[in-house]
Amino acid sequence: MTRSSTIDARFDPEAGVWLATSADLPGLVVEADTWPAMIDEVRLVIPDLLELSGQSADKLSR
């Protein structure tokens, strides 16, 4: 089964960080100093969020 999710990412100039959230993945709120670090953090937390919601994270695409 293929699952697609939209992740909203934006730079917060006041805080000086990248912020990622998603209406498709409740609980996804990630901050990081750089774009690559934000992507890495999102990839780290998505499997846990999917597991908590009773979904499989076996085949995450990059």
C-alpha atoms as a PDB file:
ATOM      1  CA  MET A   1       0.000   0.000   0.000  1.00  0.00           C
ATOM      2  CA  THR A   2       1.296   3.432  -0.935  1.00  0.00           C
ATOM      3  CA  ARG A   3       0.721   6.365   1.339  1.00  0.00           C
ATOM      4  CA  SER A   4       1.304   9.997   0.455  1.00  0.00           C
ATOM      5  CA  SER A   5       1.481  12.829   2.946  1.00  0.00           C
ATOM      6  CA  THR A   6       2.011  16.528   2.508  1.00  0.00           C
ATOM      7  CA  ILE A   7       4.548  18.137   4.794  1.00  0.00           C
ATOM      8  CA  ASP A   8       4.540  21.908   5.119  1.00  0.00           C
ATOM      9  CA  ALA A   9       8.012  23.343   5.664  1.00  0.00           C
ATOM     10  CA  ARG A  10       8.899  26.973   6.140  1.00  0.00           C
ATOM     11  CA  PHE A  11      11.695  29.089   7.514  1.00  0.00           C
ATOM     12  CA  ASP A  12      10.871  31.179  10.587  1.00  0.00           C
ATOM     13  CA  PRO A  13      13.155  34.217  10.323  1.00  0.00           C
ATOM     14  CA  GLU A  14      12.366  35.403  13.860  1.00  0.00           C
ATOM     15  CA  ALA A  15      13.410  32.093  15.416  1.00  0.00           C
ATOM     16  CA  GLY A  16      16.042  31.358  12.755  1.00  0.00           C
ATOM     17  CA  VAL A  17      14.832  27.781  12.267  1.00  0.00           C
ATOM     18  CA  TRP A  18      13.063  25.601   9.717  1.00  0.00           C
ATOM     19  CA  LEU A  19       9.674  24.302  10.851  1.00  0.00           C
ATOM     20  CA  ALA A  20       7.871  21.254   9.436  1.00  0.00           C
ATOM     21  CA  THR A  21       4.263  20.285  10.180  1.00  0.00           C
ATOM     22  CA  SER A  22       1.634  18.139   8.486  1.00  0.00           C
ATOM     23  CA  ALA A  23      -2.139  17.895   8.678  1.00  0.00           C
ATOM     24  CA  ASP A  24      -1.709  14.357   7.294  1.00  0.00           C
ATOM     25  CA  LEU A  25       0.562  13.298  10.170  1.00  0.00           C
ATOM     26  CA  PRO A  26      -0.911  14.524  13.455  1.00  0.00           C
ATOM     27  CA  GLY A  27       1.828  15.320  15.931  1.00  0.00           C
ATOM     28  CA  LEU A  28       4.459  16.164  13.334  1.00  0.00           C
ATOM     29  CA  VAL A  29       6.157  19.341  14.504  1.00  0.00           C
ATOM     30  CA  VAL A  30       9.872  19.519  13.777  1.00  0.00           C
ATOM     31  CA  GLU A  31      12.312  22.416  14.108  1.00  0.00           C
ATOM     32  CA  ALA A  32      15.883  22.464  12.822  1.00  0.00           C
ATOM     33  CA  ASP A  33      18.592  25.009  12.091  1.00  0.00           C
ATOM     34  CA  THR A  34      19.094  23.912   8.472  1.00  0.00           C
ATOM     35  CA  TRP A  35      16.988  22.470   5.656  1.00  0.00           C
ATOM     36  CA  PRO A  36      18.959  19.171   5.553  1.00  0.00           C
ATOM     37  CA  ALA A  37      18.707  18.809   9.341  1.00  0.00           C
ATOM     38  CA  MET A  38      14.951  19.378   9.172  1.00  0.00           C
ATOM     39  CA  ILE A  39      14.563  16.669   6.518  1.00  0.00           C
ATOM     40  CA  ASP A  40      16.623  14.263   8.644  1.00  0.00           C
ATOM     41  CA  GLU A  41      14.501  15.001  11.730  1.00  0.00           C
ATOM     42  CA  VAL A  42      11.246  14.509   9.805  1.00  0.00           C
ATOM     43  CA  ARG A  43      12.504  11.135   8.553  1.00  0.00           C
ATOM     44  CA  LEU A  44      13.370  10.157  12.118  1.00  0.00           C
ATOM     45  CA  VAL A  45       9.987  10.965  13.652  1.00  0.00           C
ATOM     46  CA  ILE A  46       7.616   9.768  10.905  1.00  0.00           C
ATOM     47  CA  PRO A  47       8.016   6.036  11.709  1.00  0.00           C
ATOM     48  CA  ASP A  48       7.133   6.697  15.364  1.00  0.00           C
ATOM     49  CA  LEU A  49       4.106   8.804  14.414  1.00  0.00           C
ATOM     50  CA  LEU A  50       2.879   6.117  12.025  1.00  0.00           C
ATOM     51  CA  GLU A  51       3.372   3.410  14.644  1.00  0.00           C
ATOM     52  CA  LEU A  52       1.460   5.438  17.233  1.00  0.00           C
ATOM     53  CA  SER A  53      -1.412   5.811  14.774  1.00  0.00           C
ATOM     54  CA  GLY A  54      -1.433   2.061  14.048  1.00  0.00           C
ATOM     55  CA  GLN A  55       0.096   2.315  10.580  1.00  0.00           C
ATOM     56  CA  SER A  56       3.184   0.677   9.141  1.00  0.00           C
ATOM     57  CA  ALA A  57       6.330   2.635   8.340  1.00  0.00           C
ATOM     58  CA  ASP A  58       8.175  -0.251   6.663  1.00  0.00           C
ATOM     59  CA  LYS A  59       8.679   1.398   3.279  1.00  0.00           C
ATOM     60  CA  LEU A  60       9.308   5.114   3.685  1.00  0.00           C
ATOM     61  CA  SER A  61      10.450   6.755   0.471  1.00  0.00           C
ATOM     62  CA  ARG A  62      13.154   9.359   0.509  1.00  0.00           C
END
